[in-house]
Protein backbone atom coordinates (compact mmCIF):
# COMPACT_ATOMS: atom_id res chain seq x y z
CA MET A 1 -6.10 -11.51 -10.25
CA ASP A 2 -2.46 -11.44 -9.14
CA ARG A 3 -2.71 -13.92 -6.27
CA ARG A 4 0.12 -13.75 -3.75
CA ASP A 5 1.12 -15.13 -0.37
CA LEU A 6 0.64 -12.65 2.46
CA ILE A 7 2.29 -13.52 5.77
CA ILE A 8 0.75 -11.36 8.49
CA ASP A 9 2.07 -10.66 11.96
CA ALA A 10 -0.36 -10.74 14.90
CA ASP A 11 0.60 -8.67 17.96
CA ASP A 12 0.35 -4.92 17.26
CA THR A 13 -0.40 -5.61 13.60
CA LEU A 14 -3.81 -7.27 13.96
CA TRP A 15 -4.56 -6.47 17.61
CA GLU A 16 -3.28 -4.38 20.50
CA ASN A 17 -0.59 -6.04 22.58
CA ASN A 18 2.35 -3.94 23.69
CA ILE A 19 0.21 -1.28 25.35
CA TYR A 20 -0.58 -3.81 28.09
CA PHE A 21 3.10 -4.57 28.66
CA GLU A 22 3.89 -0.86 28.81
CA ARG A 23 1.21 -0.33 31.46
CA ALA A 24 2.65 -3.21 33.47
CA ILE A 25 6.13 -1.69 33.23
CA ASP A 26 4.86 1.66 34.46
CA ALA A 27 3.18 -0.07 37.41
CA PHE A 28 6.38 -1.99 38.14
CA ILE A 29 8.55 1.15 38.11
CA ASP A 30 6.06 2.92 40.39
CA PHE A 31 6.09 -0.02 42.81
CA LEU A 32 9.87 -0.31 42.79
CA ALA A 33 10.18 3.41 43.61
CA HIS A 34 13.95 3.39 43.29
CA SER A 35 15.63 6.23 45.22
CA SER A 36 18.38 7.05 42.73
CA MET A 37 17.64 5.43 39.37
CA THR A 38 15.47 7.31 36.91
CA ARG A 39 12.53 5.61 35.20
CA ALA A 40 14.61 5.40 32.03
CA GLN A 41 17.45 3.69 33.89
CA VAL A 42 15.12 1.14 35.47
CA ARG A 43 13.60 0.50 32.06
CA ALA A 44 17.05 0.02 30.53
CA SER A 45 17.86 -2.57 33.21
CA LEU A 46 14.62 -4.42 32.49
CA ASP A 47 15.25 -4.25 28.74
CA GLU A 48 18.64 -5.89 29.18
CA ILE A 49 17.15 -8.67 31.31
CA GLU A 50 14.48 -9.24 28.65
CA ARG A 51 17.06 -9.22 25.88
CA LEU A 52 19.11 -11.93 27.56
CA ASN A 53 16.24 -14.05 28.86
CA SER A 54 14.32 -14.11 25.58
CA ARG A 55 16.97 -16.45 24.20
CA VAL A 56 16.13 -18.98 26.89
CA HIS A 57 12.53 -18.35 27.98
CA GLY A 58 11.08 -16.78 24.84
CA TYR A 59 8.29 -14.22 24.87
CA GLY A 60 4.81 -13.73 26.30
CA SER A 61 3.31 -12.71 29.63
CA VAL A 62 4.77 -15.63 31.59
CA ALA A 63 8.33 -14.86 30.48
CA PHE A 64 7.66 -11.16 31.06
CA ALA A 65 6.49 -11.78 34.64
CA ARG A 66 9.70 -13.74 35.25
CA ASN A 67 11.73 -10.83 33.90
CA LEU A 68 9.93 -8.36 36.17
CA ARG A 69 10.71 -10.56 39.16
CA GLU A 70 14.40 -10.79 38.25
CA CYS A 71 14.61 -7.04 37.77
CA TYR A 72 12.88 -6.40 41.10
CA GLU A 73 15.19 -8.78 42.95
CA ARG A 74 18.18 -7.06 41.38
CA LEU A 75 17.13 -3.45 42.02
CA CYS A 76 14.97 -3.62 45.16
CA GLU A 77 16.31 -1.39 47.95
CA ARG A 78 14.11 -2.77 50.72
CA GLU A 79 13.61 -6.16 52.32
CA LEU A 80 12.68 -8.74 49.69
CA ARG A 81 9.25 -9.85 50.93
CA PRO A 82 7.30 -12.70 49.27
CA GLU A 83 4.15 -10.58 49.07
CA ASP A 84 6.01 -7.84 47.22
CA VAL A 85 7.50 -10.33 44.77
CA ALA A 86 3.99 -11.72 44.20
CA THR A 87 2.75 -8.20 43.42
CA VAL A 88 5.52 -7.70 40.88
CA VAL A 89 4.78 -11.02 39.20
CA SER A 90 1.07 -10.15 39.06
CA PHE A 91 1.85 -7.11 36.89
CA GLY A 92 2.93 -9.53 34.17
CA GLU A 93 0.42 -12.29 34.77
CA ARG A 94 -2.63 -10.06 34.52
CA ILE A 95 -1.78 -9.19 30.92
CA ARG A 96 -3.44 -12.46 29.87
CA GLN A 97 -6.72 -11.13 31.25
CA GLU A 98 -6.70 -7.98 29.15
CA PRO A 99 -9.36 -7.72 26.42
CA LEU A 100 -8.32 -8.51 22.87
CA ARG A 101 -8.87 -5.41 20.75
CA LEU A 102 -8.54 -5.61 16.98
CA LEU A 103 -6.86 -2.60 15.42
CA ASP A 104 -8.93 -0.30 13.22
CA GLY A 105 -9.82 -1.76 9.84
CA VAL A 106 -8.35 -5.20 10.51
CA LEU A 107 -11.51 -7.32 10.31
CA GLU A 108 -12.79 -5.72 7.10
CA THR A 109 -9.36 -5.82 5.47
CA VAL A 110 -8.61 -9.44 6.32
CA ALA A 111 -12.07 -10.42 5.06
CA TYR A 112 -11.33 -8.59 1.80
CA LEU A 113 -7.87 -10.11 1.35
CA THR A 114 -8.75 -13.73 2.09
CA ASP A 115 -10.57 -14.21 -1.24
CA ARG A 116 -7.80 -12.56 -3.25
CA HIS A 117 -4.65 -14.01 -1.68
CA ASP A 118 -3.34 -16.85 0.48
CA LEU A 119 -3.04 -15.60 4.04
CA THR A 120 -0.71 -16.98 6.70
CA LEU A 121 -0.81 -15.71 10.28
CA PHE A 122 2.77 -15.81 11.56
CA THR A 123 3.49 -14.89 15.17
CA LYS A 124 6.14 -15.51 17.79
CA GLY A 125 5.73 -16.10 21.50
CA HIS A 126 4.36 -18.67 23.92
CA ALA A 127 2.43 -21.15 21.76
CA GLU A 128 -0.55 -21.61 24.08
CA GLU A 129 -0.90 -17.90 24.76
CA GLN A 130 -0.68 -16.95 21.09
CA LYS A 131 -3.15 -19.63 20.03
CA LEU A 132 -5.61 -18.35 22.63
CA LYS A 133 -5.29 -14.84 21.22
CA ILE A 134 -5.93 -16.12 17.71
CA GLU A 135 -9.03 -17.94 18.92
CA ARG A 136 -10.33 -14.91 20.81
CA SER A 137 -9.73 -12.63 17.81
CA GLY A 138 -12.19 -14.47 15.59
CA LEU A 139 -9.79 -14.08 12.66
CA ALA A 140 -8.68 -17.70 12.28
CA PRO A 141 -11.24 -18.55 9.53
CA TYR A 142 -9.70 -15.90 7.25
CA PHE A 143 -6.27 -17.51 7.26
CA GLN A 144 -5.30 -20.57 5.26
CA HIS A 145 -2.50 -21.30 7.72
CA THR A 146 -1.30 -20.16 11.14
CA ALA A 147 2.13 -20.67 12.68
CA VAL A 148 3.51 -19.83 16.13
CA VAL A 149 7.30 -19.84 16.49
CA GLY A 150 9.72 -19.07 19.27
CA GLU A 151 11.59 -16.45 17.23
CA LYS A 152 11.13 -14.75 13.88
CA ASN A 153 14.45 -14.56 12.06
CA PRO A 154 15.56 -15.18 8.47
CA GLU A 155 15.82 -18.93 9.04
CA THR A 156 12.26 -19.32 10.39
CA TYR A 157 10.97 -17.36 7.38
CA ARG A 158 12.87 -19.66 5.03
CA VAL A 159 11.44 -22.72 6.78
CA LEU A 160 7.90 -21.32 6.53
CA VAL A 161 8.29 -20.49 2.85
CA ASP A 162 9.67 -23.96 2.15
CA GLU A 163 6.94 -25.75 4.10
CA ARG A 164 4.16 -23.77 2.45
CA GLN A 165 5.81 -23.91 -1.00
CA MET A 166 5.68 -20.14 -1.39
CA GLU A 167 7.52 -18.20 -4.07
CA PRO A 168 9.69 -15.64 -2.22
CA GLU A 169 9.39 -13.00 -4.94
CA ARG A 170 5.57 -13.21 -4.72
CA THR A 171 5.42 -13.37 -0.93
CA TRP A 172 4.93 -10.36 1.36
CA MET A 173 5.42 -10.15 5.11
CA VAL A 174 3.13 -7.64 6.81
CA GLY A 175 4.04 -6.37 10.26
CA ASN A 176 4.91 -3.56 12.65
CA SER A 177 8.25 -4.72 14.10
CA PRO A 178 11.29 -3.58 12.12
CA ARG A 179 13.56 -6.25 13.60
CA SER A 180 11.53 -9.45 13.40
CA ASP A 181 8.80 -8.63 10.86
CA ILE A 182 10.52 -6.49 8.25
CA ASN A 183 14.30 -6.82 8.31
CA ALA A 184 14.24 -10.56 9.01
CA ALA A 185 11.79 -11.17 6.15
CA LEU A 186 13.79 -9.04 3.74
CA ALA A 187 16.96 -10.92 4.73
CA ALA A 188 15.15 -14.15 3.86
CA GLY A 189 14.47 -12.86 0.34
CA LEU A 190 10.82 -11.89 0.85
CA ASN A 191 9.03 -8.61 0.27
CA ALA A 192 7.67 -6.69 3.26
CA VAL A 193 4.94 -4.23 4.23
CA PHE A 194 5.79 -2.08 7.23
CA ILE A 195 2.81 -0.71 9.19
CA PRO A 196 4.22 1.17 12.19
CA HIS A 197 2.50 0.96 15.55
CA PRO A 198 3.04 3.86 17.98
CA VAL A 199 3.76 1.50 20.88
CA THR A 200 6.05 -1.09 19.28
CA TRP A 201 8.29 -2.86 21.83
CA SER A 202 11.62 -1.04 22.17
CA LEU A 203 13.63 -4.23 21.57
CA GLU A 204 11.95 -4.61 18.17
CA LEU A 205 13.02 -1.17 16.95
CA GLU A 206 15.88 -0.80 14.50
CA GLU A 207 16.60 0.95 11.22
CA LEU A 208 14.89 -0.58 8.20
CA VAL A 209 17.39 -2.14 5.83
CA PRO A 210 17.57 -0.99 2.17
CA ALA A 211 15.17 -3.12 0.17
CA ASN A 212 15.52 -2.15 -3.51
CA GLY A 213 11.79 -1.80 -4.11
CA ARG A 214 10.79 -4.78 -1.98
CA LEU A 215 9.51 -2.67 0.94
CA LEU A 216 6.15 -0.95 1.15
CA VAL A 217 5.42 1.44 4.05
CA LEU A 218 1.79 2.13 4.98
CA GLU A 219 0.15 4.15 7.72
CA ARG A 220 -2.84 1.88 8.39
CA PHE A 221 -3.68 -1.80 8.00
CA ALA A 222 -6.73 -0.92 5.90
CA GLN A 223 -4.45 0.50 3.20
CA LEU A 224 -3.50 -3.05 2.25
CA ARG A 225 -6.69 -3.10 0.20
CA GLU A 226 -5.22 -0.44 -2.07
CA HIS A 227 -2.17 -2.55 -2.91
CA PHE A 228 -3.34 -6.17 -2.71
């Protein structure tokens, strides 16, 4: 058996995540009810706040709630009332209470892969929040190693590969985010499996870089069983 290292993303690769953020954004835009800005313009303003703040505050529902508050304070056309700010913040905070839903075929596929390859769960975000998701998912026993980082970029992939003594040419990153799962892994010298999710975060979208045979594109997570 050709045993390899499979590094697997978590949010929107193993379980639903961004759909809850999108619902919160819709609720925020409805509550803001801006008189002249379109929904797309409000979203663009929020995206820019998130882009800048992620460098300082990272990711996750707590950082997201902070970003919603900043956007509301910047765009609000009425008196800035504490109770309204609390409502805005609650849109982000309640994401942590959403159910954890594994994507179709994930449990069976991870159970199949764990005996054939060495699996590493690699996710970015707030450490406590991500570890709670991993625990709630019930998938931890199938992974030989889990790692939560603040950002996924070529350097963090190189550090992971070095720490786990992986061989880059025999290592595959599996994920749904072109920016931090696929392009960053390819830039670090790894192979990658792109499994698109219909609701991937807009700030994670970018063109896939040319990979010279090191990139595999699948439609569903379960298809990993056909290749690994």
